[in-house]
Amino acid sequence: MFQHLRTVLEILLAMSGVVLRRMTIARGASFLASLGIYLWAMQNNSRTVAIWYFALATLLHYVVLFGFFAKGGWSAWFIRRYGEEEGFKRCEAVMTLVFFHNGASTALACAASAGVLTNYVPAEWLTLCGIACSCVGLPIKIWATAIVGIDTYYYRDLFLRRPVGEFRVAGPYKVFRNPMYGVGHLHGYGSALLAASDMGLVMVALNQALVWLFYWTVEKPHVEEVFAEV
């Protein structure tokens, strides 16, 4: 039981940009700096601040994703310069920052526009739908991450351009082809609904659309290529 709880906690932290197993002083300092930026933005929060924060965080997120993992991207240079293991650690350190700000910017948007949806939908319905989405989406995303591993969650296979570990069609993968990018996003919508945030819903939807764009243009071709060679 304790081991399961520890695994869930480790996954939740990794999803938030904290990979405990490879935490260093430098990573800790970077996380604290990122947290400081978020707290400053929260203190000065407005719809304008939230939109700018989301725009910058999203731009950084997808520049890093496409920059590292598209064919001919930065990962090849990192491997040549630092080797596979050290190169991936440095890539992962960058990814932790973009993952943190990706989630934090959406949270800021929900706070900046909280309550707006109650002008159109009864608060009780928003709360019920938000709880339902969160109770479905978050456990499935955690479960899916537990199956593929935190390294794969941070795209180690894309970084190395080869399969990492052995993929098992288990848990949510028996039902959903891609539970992380699909139903796993429900918890984001759930958070926006609980906050009754119109801007939060839009930003979660935009982020999901972009991650599907990344999947179809970069990740899916990679998976089809490497597994065809196995």
C-alpha atoms as a PDB file:
ATOM      1  CA  MET A   1       0.000   0.000   0.000  1.00  0.00           C
ATOM      2  CA  PHE A   2       2.755   2.423   0.969  1.00  0.00           C
ATOM      3  CA  GLN A   3       4.629   1.617  -2.248  1.00  0.00           C
ATOM      4  CA  HIS A   4       1.541   2.359  -4.348  1.00  0.00           C
ATOM      5  CA  LEU A   5       1.010   5.694  -2.599  1.00  0.00           C
ATOM      6  CA  ARG A   6       4.665   6.553  -3.114  1.00  0.00           C
ATOM      7  CA  THR A   7       4.377   5.737  -6.828  1.00  0.00           C
ATOM      8  CA  VAL A   8       1.270   7.918  -7.196  1.00  0.00           C
ATOM      9  CA  LEU A   9       2.990  10.807  -5.401  1.00  0.00           C
ATOM     10  CA  GLU A  10       6.097  10.453  -7.559  1.00  0.00           C
ATOM     11  CA  ILE A  11       3.974  10.499 -10.721  1.00  0.00           C
ATOM     12  CA  LEU A  12       1.947  13.526  -9.583  1.00  0.00           C
ATOM     13  CA  LEU A  13       5.147  15.440  -8.858  1.00  0.00           C
ATOM     14  CA  ALA A  14       6.650  14.398 -12.213  1.00  0.00           C
ATOM     15  CA  MET A  15       3.511  15.620 -13.991  1.00  0.00           C
ATOM     16  CA  SER A  16       4.017  18.937 -12.188  1.00  0.00           C
ATOM     17  CA  GLY A  17       7.666  19.237 -13.228  1.00  0.00           C
ATOM     18  CA  VAL A  18       9.452  17.610 -10.264  1.00  0.00           C
ATOM     19  CA  VAL A  19      11.275  14.331 -10.982  1.00  0.00           C
ATOM     20  CA  LEU A  20      12.339  13.185  -7.525  1.00  0.00           C
ATOM     21  CA  ARG A  21      14.649  10.392  -8.661  1.00  0.00           C
ATOM     22  CA  ARG A  22      16.894  12.863 -10.487  1.00  0.00           C
ATOM     23  CA  MET A  23      16.501  15.939  -8.315  1.00  0.00           C
ATOM     24  CA  THR A  24      19.675  18.033  -7.996  1.00  0.00           C
ATOM     25  CA  ILE A  25      20.519  21.368  -6.423  1.00  0.00           C
ATOM     26  CA  ALA A  26      20.382  23.023  -9.853  1.00  0.00           C
ATOM     27  CA  ARG A  27      16.976  21.529 -10.623  1.00  0.00           C
ATOM     28  CA  GLY A  28      15.701  22.518  -7.192  1.00  0.00           C
ATOM     29  CA  ALA A  29      16.863  26.094  -7.736  1.00  0.00           C
ATOM     30  CA  SER A  30      15.224  26.199 -11.177  1.00  0.00           C
ATOM     31  CA  PHE A  31      11.974  24.916  -9.726  1.00  0.00           C
ATOM     32  CA  LEU A  32      12.011  27.528  -6.954  1.00  0.00           C
ATOM     33  CA  ALA A  33      12.647  30.250  -9.538  1.00  0.00           C
ATOM     34  CA  SER A  34       9.724  28.989 -11.616  1.00  0.00           C
ATOM     35  CA  LEU A  35       7.544  28.844  -8.521  1.00  0.00           C
ATOM     36  CA  GLY A  36       8.539  32.430  -7.748  1.00  0.00           C
ATOM     37  CA  ILE A  37       7.448  33.536 -11.225  1.00  0.00           C
ATOM     38  CA  TYR A  38       4.106  31.797 -10.778  1.00  0.00           C
ATOM     39  CA  LEU A  39       3.539  33.309  -7.319  1.00  0.00           C
ATOM     40  CA  TRP A  40       4.374  36.772  -8.649  1.00  0.00           C
ATOM     41  CA  ALA A  41       1.916  36.277 -11.501  1.00  0.00           C
ATOM     42  CA  MET A  42      -0.721  35.038  -9.070  1.00  0.00           C
ATOM     43  CA  GLN A  43      -0.220  38.079  -6.841  1.00  0.00           C
ATOM     44  CA  ASN A  44      -0.629  40.401  -9.833  1.00  0.00           C
ATOM     45  CA  ASN A  45      -3.232  38.254 -11.507  1.00  0.00           C
ATOM     46  CA  SER A  46      -5.665  39.559 -14.087  1.00  0.00           C
ATOM     47  CA  ARG A  47      -7.030  38.213 -17.342  1.00  0.00           C
ATOM     48  CA  THR A  48      -4.282  40.103 -19.188  1.00  0.00           C
ATOM     49  CA  VAL A  49      -1.493  38.656 -17.032  1.00  0.00           C
ATOM     50  CA  ALA A  50      -3.013  35.175 -17.333  1.00  0.00           C
ATOM     51  CA  ILE A  51      -3.238  35.392 -21.127  1.00  0.00           C
ATOM     52  CA  TRP A  52       0.368  36.556 -21.472  1.00  0.00           C
ATOM     53  CA  TYR A  53       1.635  33.902 -19.056  1.00  0.00           C
ATOM     54  CA  PHE A  54      -0.248  31.174 -20.913  1.00  0.00           C
ATOM     55  CA  ALA A  55       0.940  32.436 -24.300  1.00  0.00           C
ATOM     56  CA  LEU A  56       4.605  32.514 -23.244  1.00  0.00           C
ATOM     57  CA  ALA A  57       4.413  29.182 -21.395  1.00  0.00           C
ATOM     58  CA  THR A  58       2.687  27.503 -24.353  1.00  0.00           C
ATOM     59  CA  LEU A  59       5.174  28.927 -26.858  1.00  0.00           C
ATOM     60  CA  LEU A  60       8.074  27.689 -24.709  1.00  0.00           C
ATOM     61  CA  HIS A  61       6.417  24.303 -24.230  1.00  0.00           C
ATOM     62  CA  TYR A  62       5.958  23.536 -27.907  1.00  0.00           C
ATOM     63  CA  VAL A  63       9.195  25.116 -29.089  1.00  0.00           C
ATOM     64  CA  VAL A  64      10.947  22.735 -26.685  1.00  0.00           C
ATOM     65  CA  LEU A  65       8.811  19.718 -27.676  1.00  0.00           C
ATOM     66  CA  PHE A  66       9.244  20.168 -31.407  1.00  0.00           C
ATOM     67  CA  GLY A  67      12.816  21.422 -31.003  1.00  0.00           C
ATOM     68  CA  PHE A  68      14.010  18.378 -29.103  1.00  0.00           C
ATOM     69  CA  PHE A  69      11.943  15.578 -30.586  1.00  0.00           C
ATOM     70  CA  ALA A  70      11.266  16.334 -34.246  1.00  0.00           C
ATOM     71  CA  LYS A  71      13.573  14.495 -36.625  1.00  0.00           C
ATOM     72  CA  GLY A  72      16.905  16.274 -36.797  1.00  0.00           C
ATOM     73  CA  GLY A  73      16.095  18.137 -33.589  1.00  0.00           C
ATOM     74  CA  TRP A  74      18.268  19.113 -30.661  1.00  0.00           C
ATOM     75  CA  SER A  75      18.327  15.627 -29.129  1.00  0.00           C
ATOM     76  CA  ALA A  76      20.924  14.428 -31.642  1.00  0.00           C
ATOM     77  CA  TRP A  77      23.250  17.304 -30.697  1.00  0.00           C
ATOM     78  CA  PHE A  78      22.742  16.660 -26.967  1.00  0.00           C
ATOM     79  CA  ILE A  79      23.637  12.971 -27.434  1.00  0.00           C
ATOM     80  CA  ARG A  80      26.768  13.820 -29.407  1.00  0.00           C
ATOM     81  CA  ARG A  81      27.804  16.449 -26.861  1.00  0.00           C
ATOM     82  CA  TYR A  82      26.937  14.718 -23.574  1.00  0.00           C
ATOM     83  CA  GLY A  83      26.173  11.078 -24.354  1.00  0.00           C
ATOM     84  CA  GLU A  84      22.780   9.421 -24.079  1.00  0.00           C
ATOM     85  CA  GLU A  85      22.323   9.368 -20.313  1.00  0.00           C
ATOM     86  CA  GLU A  86      23.652  12.821 -19.481  1.00  0.00           C
ATOM     87  CA  GLY A  87      22.039  14.262 -22.590  1.00  0.00           C
ATOM     88  CA  PHE A  88      18.636  12.949 -21.561  1.00  0.00           C
ATOM     89  CA  LYS A  89      19.075  14.277 -18.025  1.00  0.00           C
ATOM     90  CA  ARG A  90      19.694  17.753 -19.423  1.00  0.00           C
ATOM     91  CA  CYS A  91      16.735  17.441 -21.787  1.00  0.00           C
ATOM     92  CA  GLU A  92      14.545  16.270 -18.913  1.00  0.00           C
ATOM     93  CA  ALA A  93      15.648  19.222 -16.792  1.00  0.00           C
ATOM     94  CA  VAL A  94      14.382  21.577 -19.498  1.00  0.00           C
ATOM     95  CA  MET A  95      11.164  19.586 -19.833  1.00  0.00           C
ATOM     96  CA  THR A  96      10.445  19.844 -16.100  1.00  0.00           C
ATOM     97  CA  LEU A  97      10.370  23.631 -16.438  1.00  0.00           C
ATOM     98  CA  VAL A  98       8.044  23.680 -19.442  1.00  0.00           C
ATOM     99  CA  PHE A  99       5.729  21.121 -17.810  1.00  0.00           C
ATOM    100  CA  PHE A 100       5.537  23.234 -14.661  1.00  0.00           C
ATOM    101  CA  HIS A 101       4.722  26.464 -16.480  1.00  0.00           C
ATOM    102  CA  ASN A 102       2.263  24.688 -18.779  1.00  0.00           C
ATOM    103  CA  GLY A 103       0.194  23.604 -15.787  1.00  0.00           C
ATOM    104  CA  ALA A 104       0.771  26.768 -13.754  1.00  0.00           C
ATOM    105  CA  SER A 105      -0.377  29.045 -16.575  1.00  0.00           C
ATOM    106  CA  THR A 106      -3.664  27.158 -16.852  1.00  0.00           C
ATOM    107  CA  ALA A 107      -4.148  27.340 -13.082  1.00  0.00           C
ATOM    108  CA  LEU A 108      -3.530  31.091 -13.236  1.00  0.00           C
ATOM    109  CA  ALA A 109      -6.131  31.455 -16.000  1.00  0.00           C
ATOM    110  CA  CYS A 110      -8.685  29.562 -13.914  1.00  0.00           C
ATOM    111  CA  ALA A 111      -8.032  31.875 -10.968  1.00  0.00           C
ATOM    112  CA  ALA A 112      -8.191  35.028 -13.116  1.00  0.00           C
ATOM    113  CA  SER A 113     -11.575  34.152 -14.608  1.00  0.00           C
ATOM    114  CA  ALA A 114     -13.095  32.169 -11.741  1.00  0.00           C
ATOM    115  CA  GLY A 115     -16.874  32.307 -11.478  1.00  0.00           C
ATOM    116  CA  VAL A 116     -17.555  33.641 -14.983  1.00  0.00           C
ATOM    117  CA  LEU A 117     -19.374  30.497 -16.136  1.00  0.00           C
ATOM    118  CA  THR A 118     -21.884  30.775 -13.297  1.00  0.00           C
ATOM    119  CA  ASN A 119     -23.455  33.587 -15.316  1.00  0.00           C
ATOM    120  CA  TYR A 120     -24.538  30.945 -17.839  1.00  0.00           C
ATOM    121  CA  VAL A 121     -24.610  27.597 -16.015  1.00  0.00           C
ATOM    122  CA  PRO A 122     -25.758  26.835 -12.447  1.00  0.00           C
ATOM    123  CA  ALA A 123     -22.801  26.507 -10.081  1.00  0.00           C
ATOM    124  CA  GLU A 124     -24.024  23.112  -8.868  1.00  0.00           C
ATOM    125  CA  TRP A 125     -23.863  21.666 -12.383  1.00  0.00           C
ATOM    126  CA  LEU A 126     -20.390  23.068 -12.944  1.00  0.00           C
ATOM    127  CA  THR A 127     -19.200  21.550  -9.670  1.00  0.00           C
ATOM    128  CA  LEU A 128     -20.686  18.127 -10.427  1.00  0.00           C
ATOM    129  CA  CYS A 129     -19.251  18.070 -13.956  1.00  0.00           C
ATOM    130  CA  GLY A 130     -15.876  19.307 -12.690  1.00  0.00           C
ATOM    131  CA  ILE A 131     -15.665  16.610 -10.026  1.00  0.00           C
ATOM    132  CA  ALA A 132     -16.707  13.930 -12.536  1.00  0.00           C
ATOM    133  CA  CYS A 133     -14.093  15.021 -15.097  1.00  0.00           C
ATOM    134  CA  SER A 134     -11.360  15.218 -12.460  1.00  0.00           C
ATOM    135  CA  CYS A 135     -12.242  11.841 -10.934  1.00  0.00           C
ATOM    136  CA  VAL A 136     -12.032  10.182 -14.352  1.00  0.00           C
ATOM    137  CA  GLY A 137      -9.181  12.038 -16.024  1.00  0.00           C
ATOM    138  CA  LEU A 138      -6.563  12.269 -13.279  1.00  0.00           C
ATOM    139  CA  PRO A 139      -6.610   8.597 -12.167  1.00  0.00           C
ATOM    140  CA  ILE A 140      -6.437   7.439 -15.795  1.00  0.00           C
ATOM    141  CA  LYS A 141      -3.487   9.723 -16.532  1.00  0.00           C
ATOM    142  CA  ILE A 142      -1.674   8.515 -13.403  1.00  0.00           C
ATOM    143  CA  TRP A 143      -2.452   4.893 -14.283  1.00  0.00           C
ATOM    144  CA  ALA A 144      -1.227   5.322 -17.855  1.00  0.00           C
ATOM    145  CA  THR A 145       1.983   6.975 -16.634  1.00  0.00           C
ATOM    146  CA  ALA A 146       2.567   4.160 -14.153  1.00  0.00           C
ATOM    147  CA  ILE A 147       2.403   1.660 -17.026  1.00  0.00           C
ATOM    148  CA  VAL A 148       4.746   3.422 -19.456  1.00  0.00           C
ATOM    149  CA  GLY A 149       7.014   4.948 -16.780  1.00  0.00           C
ATOM    150  CA  ILE A 150       8.103   8.477 -15.959  1.00  0.00           C
ATOM    151  CA  ASP A 151      10.999   8.299 -18.425  1.00  0.00           C
ATOM    152  CA  THR A 152       8.552   7.700 -21.277  1.00  0.00           C
ATOM    153  CA  TYR A 153       6.292  10.442 -19.902  1.00  0.00           C
ATOM    154  CA  TYR A 154       9.314  12.711 -20.439  1.00  0.00           C
ATOM    155  CA  TYR A 155       9.817  11.330 -23.970  1.00  0.00           C
ATOM    156  CA  ARG A 156      13.003   9.334 -23.372  1.00  0.00           C
ATOM    157  CA  ASP A 157      12.088   7.095 -26.324  1.00  0.00           C
ATOM    158  CA  LEU A 158      11.767  10.109 -28.613  1.00  0.00           C
ATOM    159  CA  PHE A 159      15.024  11.533 -27.314  1.00  0.00           C
ATOM    160  CA  LEU A 160      16.932   8.300 -28.004  1.00  0.00           C
ATOM    161  CA  ARG A 161      14.973   7.530 -31.193  1.00  0.00           C
ATOM    162  CA  ARG A 162      14.369   3.926 -30.091  1.00  0.00           C
ATOM    163  CA  PRO A 163      11.953   1.995 -27.850  1.00  0.00           C
ATOM    164  CA  VAL A 164      12.551   2.318 -24.109  1.00  0.00           C
ATOM    165  CA  GLY A 165      11.456  -0.688 -22.080  1.00  0.00           C
ATOM    166  CA  GLU A 166       8.631  -2.962 -23.139  1.00  0.00           C
ATOM    167  CA  PHE A 167       5.226  -1.433 -23.751  1.00  0.00           C
ATOM    168  CA  ARG A 168       2.329  -3.409 -22.256  1.00  0.00           C
ATOM    169  CA  VAL A 169      -1.248  -3.139 -23.461  1.00  0.00           C
ATOM    170  CA  ALA A 170      -2.580  -2.938 -19.935  1.00  0.00           C
ATOM    171  CA  GLY A 171      -4.827  -0.782 -17.783  1.00  0.00           C
ATOM    172  CA  PRO A 172      -6.357   2.133 -19.716  1.00  0.00           C
ATOM    173  CA  TYR A 173      -4.382   1.134 -22.829  1.00  0.00           C
ATOM    174  CA  LYS A 174      -6.759  -1.830 -23.181  1.00  0.00           C
ATOM    175  CA  VAL A 175      -9.587   0.648 -23.772  1.00  0.00           C
ATOM    176  CA  PHE A 176      -7.976   3.837 -25.085  1.00  0.00           C
ATOM    177  CA  ARG A 177      -5.293   4.082 -27.758  1.00  0.00           C
ATOM    178  CA  ASN A 178      -3.802   7.196 -26.165  1.00  0.00           C
ATOM    179  CA  PRO A 179      -5.253   7.731 -22.657  1.00  0.00           C
ATOM    180  CA  MET A 180      -2.802  10.508 -21.746  1.00  0.00           C
ATOM    181  CA  TYR A 181      -3.663  12.877 -24.575  1.00  0.00           C
ATOM    182  CA  GLY A 182      -7.324  11.882 -24.707  1.00  0.00           C
ATOM    183  CA  VAL A 183      -9.373  11.076 -21.617  1.00  0.00           C
ATOM    184  CA  GLY A 184      -6.386  11.931 -19.409  1.00  0.00           C
ATOM    185  CA  HIS A 185      -6.976  15.598 -20.238  1.00  0.00           C
ATOM    186  CA  LEU A 186     -10.374  15.527 -18.551  1.00  0.00           C
ATOM    187  CA  HIS A 187      -8.856  16.567 -15.232  1.00  0.00           C
ATOM    188  CA  GLY A 188      -7.809  19.868 -16.840  1.00  0.00           C
ATOM    189  CA  TYR A 189     -11.368  20.528 -17.938  1.00  0.00           C
ATOM    190  CA  GLY A 190     -12.494  19.446 -14.476  1.00  0.00           C
ATOM    191  CA  SER A 191     -10.308  22.064 -12.805  1.00  0.00           C
ATOM    192  CA  ALA A 192     -11.658  24.778 -15.116  1.00  0.00           C
ATOM    193  CA  LEU A 193     -15.257  23.718 -14.445  1.00  0.00           C
ATOM    194  CA  LEU A 194     -14.711  23.669 -10.690  1.00  0.00           C
ATOM    195  CA  ALA A 195     -13.369  27.217 -10.956  1.00  0.00           C
ATOM    196  CA  ALA A 196     -16.245  28.116 -13.327  1.00  0.00           C
ATOM    197  CA  SER A 197     -13.575  29.581 -15.602  1.00  0.00           C
ATOM    198  CA  ASP A 198     -14.330  30.283 -19.250  1.00  0.00           C
ATOM    199  CA  MET A 199     -10.695  31.147 -19.983  1.00  0.00           C
ATOM    200  CA  GLY A 200      -9.496  27.985 -18.270  1.00  0.00           C
ATOM    201  CA  LEU A 201     -11.699  25.823 -20.512  1.00  0.00           C
ATOM    202  CA  VAL A 202     -10.412  27.545 -23.652  1.00  0.00           C
ATOM    203  CA  MET A 203      -6.784  27.168 -22.605  1.00  0.00           C
ATOM    204  CA  VAL A 204      -7.151  23.492 -21.687  1.00  0.00           C
ATOM    205  CA  ALA A 205      -8.795  22.844 -25.063  1.00  0.00           C
ATOM    206  CA  LEU A 206      -6.068  24.763 -26.919  1.00  0.00           C
ATOM    207  CA  ASN A 207      -3.345  22.895 -25.063  1.00  0.00           C
ATOM    208  CA  GLN A 208      -4.963  19.545 -25.869  1.00  0.00           C
ATOM    209  CA  ALA A 209      -5.252  20.494 -29.541  1.00  0.00           C
ATOM    210  CA  LEU A 210      -1.552  21.391 -29.640  1.00  0.00           C
ATOM    211  CA  VAL A 211      -0.444  18.194 -27.925  1.00  0.00           C
ATOM    212  CA  TRP A 212      -2.473  16.191 -30.462  1.00  0.00           C
ATOM    213  CA  LEU A 213      -0.746  18.166 -33.224  1.00  0.00           C
ATOM    214  CA  PHE A 214       2.599  17.144 -31.713  1.00  0.00           C
ATOM    215  CA  TYR A 215       1.430  13.541 -31.485  1.00  0.00           C
ATOM    216  CA  TRP A 216       0.298  13.299 -35.104  1.00  0.00           C
ATOM    217  CA  THR A 217       3.289  15.102 -36.603  1.00  0.00           C
ATOM    218  CA  VAL A 218       6.155  13.880 -34.388  1.00  0.00           C
ATOM    219  CA  GLU A 219       5.308  11.162 -31.885  1.00  0.00           C
ATOM    220  CA  LYS A 220       3.078   8.851 -33.940  1.00  0.00           C
ATOM    221  CA  PRO A 221       5.462   8.702 -36.943  1.00  0.00           C
ATOM    222  CA  HIS A 222       8.308   7.914 -34.508  1.00  0.00           C
ATOM    223  CA  VAL A 223       6.337   5.095 -32.844  1.00  0.00           C
ATOM    224  CA  GLU A 224       5.361   3.580 -36.191  1.00  0.00           C
ATOM    225  CA  GLU A 225       8.945   3.751 -37.409  1.00  0.00           C
ATOM    226  CA  VAL A 226      10.743   2.283 -34.390  1.00  0.00           C
ATOM    227  CA  PHE A 227       8.240  -0.484 -33.741  1.00  0.00           C
ATOM    228  CA  ALA A 228       8.320  -1.470 -37.412  1.00  0.00           C
ATOM    229  CA  GLU A 229      12.033  -2.101 -36.946  1.00  0.00           C
ATOM    230  CA  VAL A 230      11.655  -4.212 -33.765  1.00  0.00           C
END
